């Protein structure tokens, strides 16, 4: 179950970010990441075992390659080969939900726009002056929607806009045949998602190759 959720997350993230499709490896998947000074690519392991972690780590020779897996960081730190470090500050949370239609209410002073392009639903919330206030997107992967890049501008926080974006994405995903939602959350984002009914499936340990 957890491994399948990770695979869905990997596939949806690649569609959402417009990267080349994930390449299967003996330990999981590799995704090339272009035009990102902090990351050239990432290995994602659906199953966390010492042999798989060591195998993925040993295959890397390019700095700024990341490795992500469902595990607590302290569990896998001793398995890393030289040059790899745990990115403690980047540790995230894999979350999921059974999607339902909620028909979110509009928030006074804001307008919501929805766009669907190449398998990705984009939601933009703008203020009365037309400025960007919040946004988010979701890649539709069969019967799943992988939510990504949900952000509220600092000047517009604590007004319910994050929830508005998430509920709008859910309604749009259900309308396109998805019934499961998946996302990777930061610590700050986790609180919002849990308030909306999302459940944590696993911690995501993150490591980076810095020889």
C-alpha atoms as a PDB file:
ATOM      1  CA  UNK A   1       0.000   0.000   0.000  1.00  0.00           C
ATOM      2  CA  UNK A   2       2.698   2.496   1.011  1.00  0.00           C
ATOM      3  CA  UNK A   3       4.892   1.528  -1.943  1.00  0.00           C
ATOM      4  CA  UNK A   4       1.992   2.114  -4.335  1.00  0.00           C
ATOM      5  CA  UNK A   5       1.362   5.531  -2.802  1.00  0.00           C
ATOM      6  CA  UNK A   6       5.024   6.442  -3.325  1.00  0.00           C
ATOM      7  CA  UNK A   7       4.858   5.292  -6.958  1.00  0.00           C
ATOM      8  CA  UNK A   8       1.786   7.434  -7.542  1.00  0.00           C
ATOM      9  CA  UNK A   9       3.505  10.414  -5.943  1.00  0.00           C
ATOM     10  CA  UNK A  10       6.572   9.938  -8.186  1.00  0.00           C
ATOM     11  CA  UNK A  11       4.519   9.686 -11.356  1.00  0.00           C
ATOM     12  CA  UNK A  12       2.346  12.677 -10.505  1.00  0.00           C
ATOM     13  CA  UNK A  13       5.266  14.874  -9.426  1.00  0.00           C
ATOM     14  CA  UNK A  14       6.964  14.287 -12.773  1.00  0.00           C
ATOM     15  CA  UNK A  15       3.803  15.239 -14.691  1.00  0.00           C
ATOM     16  CA  UNK A  16       3.222  18.281 -12.492  1.00  0.00           C
ATOM     17  CA  UNK A  17       6.794  19.548 -12.916  1.00  0.00           C
ATOM     18  CA  UNK A  18       7.044  18.704 -16.622  1.00  0.00           C
ATOM     19  CA  UNK A  19      10.117  16.541 -16.128  1.00  0.00           C
ATOM     20  CA  UNK A  20      10.987  13.506 -18.254  1.00  0.00           C
ATOM     21  CA  UNK A  21       9.085  10.404 -17.117  1.00  0.00           C
ATOM     22  CA  UNK A  22      10.591   8.564 -14.138  1.00  0.00           C
ATOM     23  CA  UNK A  23      13.122   5.890 -15.137  1.00  0.00           C
ATOM     24  CA  UNK A  24      12.791   2.560 -13.346  1.00  0.00           C
ATOM     25  CA  UNK A  25      15.839   1.391 -11.410  1.00  0.00           C
ATOM     26  CA  UNK A  26      16.455  -1.756  -9.337  1.00  0.00           C
ATOM     27  CA  UNK A  27      15.763   0.265  -6.177  1.00  0.00           C
ATOM     28  CA  UNK A  28      12.941   2.490  -7.443  1.00  0.00           C
ATOM     29  CA  UNK A  29      12.841   5.455  -9.806  1.00  0.00           C
ATOM     30  CA  UNK A  30      15.111   8.208 -11.054  1.00  0.00           C
ATOM     31  CA  UNK A  31      13.710  11.579 -12.129  1.00  0.00           C
ATOM     32  CA  UNK A  32      15.822  14.120 -14.007  1.00  0.00           C
ATOM     33  CA  UNK A  33      15.306  17.672 -12.742  1.00  0.00           C
ATOM     34  CA  UNK A  34      16.221  20.498 -15.130  1.00  0.00           C
ATOM     35  CA  UNK A  35      16.876  24.187 -14.453  1.00  0.00           C
ATOM     36  CA  UNK A  36      17.148  23.784 -10.685  1.00  0.00           C
ATOM     37  CA  UNK A  37      20.411  24.974  -9.108  1.00  0.00           C
ATOM     38  CA  UNK A  38      19.716  22.917  -5.987  1.00  0.00           C
ATOM     39  CA  UNK A  39      18.913  19.601  -7.685  1.00  0.00           C
ATOM     40  CA  UNK A  40      19.956  17.770 -10.848  1.00  0.00           C
ATOM     41  CA  UNK A  41      17.808  14.711 -10.225  1.00  0.00           C
ATOM     42  CA  UNK A  42      16.295  12.489  -7.586  1.00  0.00           C
ATOM     43  CA  UNK A  43      16.134   8.804  -6.760  1.00  0.00           C
ATOM     44  CA  UNK A  44      12.872   7.817  -5.057  1.00  0.00           C
ATOM     45  CA  UNK A  45      12.617   4.453  -3.317  1.00  0.00           C
ATOM     46  CA  UNK A  46       9.086   3.021  -2.835  1.00  0.00           C
ATOM     47  CA  UNK A  47      10.509   0.431  -0.418  1.00  0.00           C
ATOM     48  CA  UNK A  48      13.164   1.287   2.160  1.00  0.00           C
ATOM     49  CA  UNK A  49      15.695  -1.482   2.754  1.00  0.00           C
ATOM     50  CA  UNK A  50      19.405  -1.186   3.497  1.00  0.00           C
ATOM     51  CA  UNK A  51      20.469  -2.971   0.301  1.00  0.00           C
ATOM     52  CA  UNK A  52      18.261  -0.726  -1.835  1.00  0.00           C
ATOM     53  CA  UNK A  53      19.461   2.468  -0.164  1.00  0.00           C
ATOM     54  CA  UNK A  54      23.106   1.439  -0.546  1.00  0.00           C
ATOM     55  CA  UNK A  55      22.542   0.448  -4.162  1.00  0.00           C
ATOM     56  CA  UNK A  56      20.914   3.738  -5.068  1.00  0.00           C
ATOM     57  CA  UNK A  57      23.565   5.742  -3.210  1.00  0.00           C
ATOM     58  CA  UNK A  58      26.425   3.861  -4.863  1.00  0.00           C
ATOM     59  CA  UNK A  59      25.025   4.585  -8.337  1.00  0.00           C
ATOM     60  CA  UNK A  60      25.402   8.352  -7.927  1.00  0.00           C
ATOM     61  CA  UNK A  61      28.460  10.361  -8.949  1.00  0.00           C
ATOM     62  CA  UNK A  62      26.880  13.746  -9.711  1.00  0.00           C
ATOM     63  CA  UNK A  63      26.653  16.322  -6.891  1.00  0.00           C
ATOM     64  CA  UNK A  64      23.220  17.754  -6.045  1.00  0.00           C
ATOM     65  CA  UNK A  65      21.498  14.436  -6.667  1.00  0.00           C
ATOM     66  CA  UNK A  66      18.803  13.722  -4.079  1.00  0.00           C
ATOM     67  CA  UNK A  67      17.446  10.501  -2.678  1.00  0.00           C
ATOM     68  CA  UNK A  68      14.017  10.220  -1.046  1.00  0.00           C
ATOM     69  CA  UNK A  69      12.294   7.309   0.664  1.00  0.00           C
ATOM     70  CA  UNK A  70       9.530   6.517   3.167  1.00  0.00           C
ATOM     71  CA  UNK A  71      11.494   6.305   6.417  1.00  0.00           C
ATOM     72  CA  UNK A  72      12.622   8.255   9.443  1.00  0.00           C
ATOM     73  CA  UNK A  73      15.947   9.987   8.641  1.00  0.00           C
ATOM     74  CA  UNK A  74      17.750   8.481  11.627  1.00  0.00           C
ATOM     75  CA  UNK A  75      16.823   4.999  10.391  1.00  0.00           C
ATOM     76  CA  UNK A  76      18.742   5.322   7.141  1.00  0.00           C
ATOM     77  CA  UNK A  77      21.630   7.621   8.073  1.00  0.00           C
ATOM     78  CA  UNK A  78      24.037   4.759   8.841  1.00  0.00           C
ATOM     79  CA  UNK A  79      23.301   3.154   5.463  1.00  0.00           C
ATOM     80  CA  UNK A  80      24.560   6.107   3.422  1.00  0.00           C
ATOM     81  CA  UNK A  81      27.831   5.804   1.545  1.00  0.00           C
ATOM     82  CA  UNK A  82      30.539   8.521   1.684  1.00  0.00           C
ATOM     83  CA  UNK A  83      29.481  11.831   0.152  1.00  0.00           C
ATOM     84  CA  UNK A  84      25.836  11.483   1.149  1.00  0.00           C
ATOM     85  CA  UNK A  85      24.298  13.544   3.941  1.00  0.00           C
ATOM     86  CA  UNK A  86      20.826  13.556   5.457  1.00  0.00           C
ATOM     87  CA  UNK A  87      18.950  16.762   4.610  1.00  0.00           C
ATOM     88  CA  UNK A  88      17.264  16.992   8.007  1.00  0.00           C
ATOM     89  CA  UNK A  89      15.611  20.332   7.241  1.00  0.00           C
ATOM     90  CA  UNK A  90      13.966  18.906   4.097  1.00  0.00           C
ATOM     91  CA  UNK A  91      12.327  15.917   5.761  1.00  0.00           C
ATOM     92  CA  UNK A  92       8.721  15.757   4.586  1.00  0.00           C
ATOM     93  CA  UNK A  93       5.494  13.812   4.973  1.00  0.00           C
ATOM     94  CA  UNK A  94       3.720  11.593   2.451  1.00  0.00           C
ATOM     95  CA  UNK A  95      -0.023  12.160   2.830  1.00  0.00           C
ATOM     96  CA  UNK A  96      -3.192  10.876   1.176  1.00  0.00           C
ATOM     97  CA  UNK A  97      -6.968  11.255   1.289  1.00  0.00           C
ATOM     98  CA  UNK A  98     -10.142   9.850  -0.243  1.00  0.00           C
ATOM     99  CA  UNK A  99     -11.293  12.738  -2.408  1.00  0.00           C
ATOM    100  CA  UNK A 100     -14.814  14.095  -2.119  1.00  0.00           C
ATOM    101  CA  UNK A 101     -16.647  17.008  -3.680  1.00  0.00           C
ATOM    102  CA  UNK A 102     -17.037  19.932  -1.269  1.00  0.00           C
ATOM    103  CA  UNK A 103     -18.077  22.830  -3.544  1.00  0.00           C
ATOM    104  CA  UNK A 104     -16.010  25.418  -1.627  1.00  0.00           C
ATOM    105  CA  UNK A 105     -17.531  28.810  -1.040  1.00  0.00           C
ATOM    106  CA  UNK A 106     -15.974  31.908  -2.527  1.00  0.00           C
ATOM    107  CA  UNK A 107     -14.073  34.194  -0.153  1.00  0.00           C
ATOM    108  CA  UNK A 108     -15.028  37.855  -0.331  1.00  0.00           C
ATOM    109  CA  UNK A 109     -12.442  39.944  -2.123  1.00  0.00           C
ATOM    110  CA  UNK A 110     -10.956  37.018  -4.051  1.00  0.00           C
ATOM    111  CA  UNK A 111     -11.592  35.333  -7.389  1.00  0.00           C
ATOM    112  CA  UNK A 112     -10.715  31.747  -8.326  1.00  0.00           C
ATOM    113  CA  UNK A 113      -9.546  30.698 -11.787  1.00  0.00           C
ATOM    114  CA  UNK A 114      -9.108  27.080 -12.895  1.00  0.00           C
ATOM    115  CA  UNK A 115      -7.080  25.840 -15.850  1.00  0.00           C
ATOM    116  CA  UNK A 116      -6.474  22.287 -17.031  1.00  0.00           C
ATOM    117  CA  UNK A 117      -3.375  21.796 -19.179  1.00  0.00           C
ATOM    118  CA  UNK A 118      -1.683  18.549 -20.205  1.00  0.00           C
ATOM    119  CA  UNK A 119      -3.084  16.510 -17.340  1.00  0.00           C
ATOM    120  CA  UNK A 120      -2.539  19.129 -14.647  1.00  0.00           C
ATOM    121  CA  UNK A 121      -5.222  21.205 -12.917  1.00  0.00           C
ATOM    122  CA  UNK A 122      -4.031  24.686 -11.973  1.00  0.00           C
ATOM    123  CA  UNK A 123      -5.928  26.807  -9.441  1.00  0.00           C
ATOM    124  CA  UNK A 124      -5.124  30.504  -9.069  1.00  0.00           C
ATOM    125  CA  UNK A 125      -6.665  32.806  -6.474  1.00  0.00           C
ATOM    126  CA  UNK A 126      -6.386  36.542  -7.146  1.00  0.00           C
ATOM    127  CA  UNK A 127      -7.229  39.530  -4.983  1.00  0.00           C
ATOM    128  CA  UNK A 128      -9.490  42.419  -5.937  1.00  0.00           C
ATOM    129  CA  UNK A 129      -6.590  44.181  -7.675  1.00  0.00           C
ATOM    130  CA  UNK A 130      -5.815  41.121  -9.775  1.00  0.00           C
ATOM    131  CA  UNK A 131      -2.685  40.182  -7.871  1.00  0.00           C
ATOM    132  CA  UNK A 132      -1.781  36.585  -7.108  1.00  0.00           C
ATOM    133  CA  UNK A 133      -2.873  35.572  -3.599  1.00  0.00           C
ATOM    134  CA  UNK A 134      -2.676  31.750  -3.633  1.00  0.00           C
ATOM    135  CA  UNK A 135      -2.237  28.879  -6.025  1.00  0.00           C
ATOM    136  CA  UNK A 136      -1.787  25.158  -6.357  1.00  0.00           C
ATOM    137  CA  UNK A 137      -1.888  22.371  -8.907  1.00  0.00           C
ATOM    138  CA  UNK A 138      -2.647  18.677  -9.186  1.00  0.00           C
ATOM    139  CA  UNK A 139      -1.561  16.112 -11.749  1.00  0.00           C
ATOM    140  CA  UNK A 140      -4.292  13.615 -12.630  1.00  0.00           C
ATOM    141  CA  UNK A 141      -2.784  10.122 -12.810  1.00  0.00           C
ATOM    142  CA  UNK A 142      -5.566   7.692 -13.585  1.00  0.00           C
ATOM    143  CA  UNK A 143      -7.723   7.516 -10.464  1.00  0.00           C
ATOM    144  CA  UNK A 144      -5.316   9.591  -8.369  1.00  0.00           C
ATOM    145  CA  UNK A 145      -4.518  13.287  -8.108  1.00  0.00           C
ATOM    146  CA  UNK A 146      -1.048  14.327  -6.971  1.00  0.00           C
ATOM    147  CA  UNK A 147      -1.215  17.778  -5.392  1.00  0.00           C
ATOM    148  CA  UNK A 148       1.795  20.045  -5.799  1.00  0.00           C
ATOM    149  CA  UNK A 149       3.025  23.619  -5.348  1.00  0.00           C
ATOM    150  CA  UNK A 150       0.283  24.829  -3.018  1.00  0.00           C
ATOM    151  CA  UNK A 151       1.311  28.244  -1.720  1.00  0.00           C
ATOM    152  CA  UNK A 152      -0.370  31.331  -0.275  1.00  0.00           C
ATOM    153  CA  UNK A 153       1.291  34.724  -0.544  1.00  0.00           C
ATOM    154  CA  UNK A 154       2.412  35.923   2.866  1.00  0.00           C
ATOM    155  CA  UNK A 155       0.195  39.023   2.718  1.00  0.00           C
ATOM    156  CA  UNK A 156      -2.898  36.846   2.221  1.00  0.00           C
ATOM    157  CA  UNK A 157      -2.351  34.112   4.802  1.00  0.00           C
ATOM    158  CA  UNK A 158      -4.790  33.086   7.541  1.00  0.00           C
ATOM    159  CA  UNK A 159      -7.803  33.920   5.397  1.00  0.00           C
ATOM    160  CA  UNK A 160      -8.705  30.403   4.315  1.00  0.00           C
ATOM    161  CA  UNK A 161      -7.147  30.653   0.861  1.00  0.00           C
ATOM    162  CA  UNK A 162      -5.041  27.517   1.250  1.00  0.00           C
ATOM    163  CA  UNK A 163      -8.152  25.520   2.075  1.00  0.00           C
ATOM    164  CA  UNK A 164      -9.965  27.118  -0.860  1.00  0.00           C
ATOM    165  CA  UNK A 165      -7.195  26.033  -3.233  1.00  0.00           C
ATOM    166  CA  UNK A 166      -7.132  22.487  -1.850  1.00  0.00           C
ATOM    167  CA  UNK A 167     -10.914  22.033  -1.978  1.00  0.00           C
ATOM    168  CA  UNK A 168     -11.062  23.422  -5.506  1.00  0.00           C
ATOM    169  CA  UNK A 169      -8.318  21.050  -6.616  1.00  0.00           C
ATOM    170  CA  UNK A 170     -10.184  18.140  -5.026  1.00  0.00           C
ATOM    171  CA  UNK A 171     -13.447  19.010  -6.787  1.00  0.00           C
ATOM    172  CA  UNK A 172     -11.643  19.369 -10.113  1.00  0.00           C
ATOM    173  CA  UNK A 173      -9.840  16.053  -9.622  1.00  0.00           C
ATOM    174  CA  UNK A 174     -13.053  14.183  -8.793  1.00  0.00           C
ATOM    175  CA  UNK A 175     -14.687  15.662 -11.881  1.00  0.00           C
ATOM    176  CA  UNK A 176     -11.861  14.111 -13.924  1.00  0.00           C
ATOM    177  CA  UNK A 177     -12.211  10.629 -12.424  1.00  0.00           C
ATOM    178  CA  UNK A 178      -9.783  10.762  -9.494  1.00  0.00           C
ATOM    179  CA  UNK A 179     -10.851   9.472  -6.090  1.00  0.00           C
ATOM    180  CA  UNK A 180      -7.529   9.411  -4.209  1.00  0.00           C
ATOM    181  CA  UNK A 181      -5.332  12.397  -3.392  1.00  0.00           C
ATOM    182  CA  UNK A 182      -1.592  12.146  -2.706  1.00  0.00           C
ATOM    183  CA  UNK A 183       0.968  14.796  -1.795  1.00  0.00           C
ATOM    184  CA  UNK A 184       4.340  15.412  -0.209  1.00  0.00           C
ATOM    185  CA  UNK A 185       4.041  17.959   2.603  1.00  0.00           C
ATOM    186  CA  UNK A 186       6.493  20.182   4.424  1.00  0.00           C
ATOM    187  CA  UNK A 187       6.175  20.616   8.179  1.00  0.00           C
ATOM    188  CA  UNK A 188       4.249  23.922   7.826  1.00  0.00           C
ATOM    189  CA  UNK A 189       1.993  22.519   5.110  1.00  0.00           C
ATOM    190  CA  UNK A 190       1.160  19.382   7.042  1.00  0.00           C
ATOM    191  CA  UNK A 191      -1.020  21.313   9.512  1.00  0.00           C
ATOM    192  CA  UNK A 192      -3.183  22.709   6.698  1.00  0.00           C
ATOM    193  CA  UNK A 193      -3.633  19.325   5.059  1.00  0.00           C
ATOM    194  CA  UNK A 194      -4.483  17.542   8.306  1.00  0.00           C
ATOM    195  CA  UNK A 195      -7.116  20.194   9.038  1.00  0.00           C
ATOM    196  CA  UNK A 196      -8.682  19.252   5.687  1.00  0.00           C
ATOM    197  CA  UNK A 197      -8.729  15.542   6.493  1.00  0.00           C
ATOM    198  CA  UNK A 198      -5.488  14.370   4.886  1.00  0.00           C
ATOM    199  CA  UNK A 199      -3.689  11.513   6.670  1.00  0.00           C
ATOM    200  CA  UNK A 200       0.036  10.987   6.964  1.00  0.00           C
ATOM    201  CA  UNK A 201       1.218   7.680   5.498  1.00  0.00           C
ATOM    202  CA  UNK A 202       4.931   8.061   6.167  1.00  0.00           C
ATOM    203  CA  UNK A 203       7.786  10.391   6.889  1.00  0.00           C
ATOM    204  CA  UNK A 204       9.884  11.043   3.790  1.00  0.00           C
ATOM    205  CA  UNK A 205      13.607  10.966   4.540  1.00  0.00           C
ATOM    206  CA  UNK A 206      15.680  13.116   2.182  1.00  0.00           C
ATOM    207  CA  UNK A 207      19.386  12.857   1.439  1.00  0.00           C
ATOM    208  CA  UNK A 208      21.688  14.740  -0.910  1.00  0.00           C
ATOM    209  CA  UNK A 209      24.994  13.821  -2.504  1.00  0.00           C
ATOM    210  CA  UNK A 210      27.610  16.424  -1.534  1.00  0.00           C
ATOM    211  CA  UNK A 211      31.034  14.820  -2.065  1.00  0.00           C
END
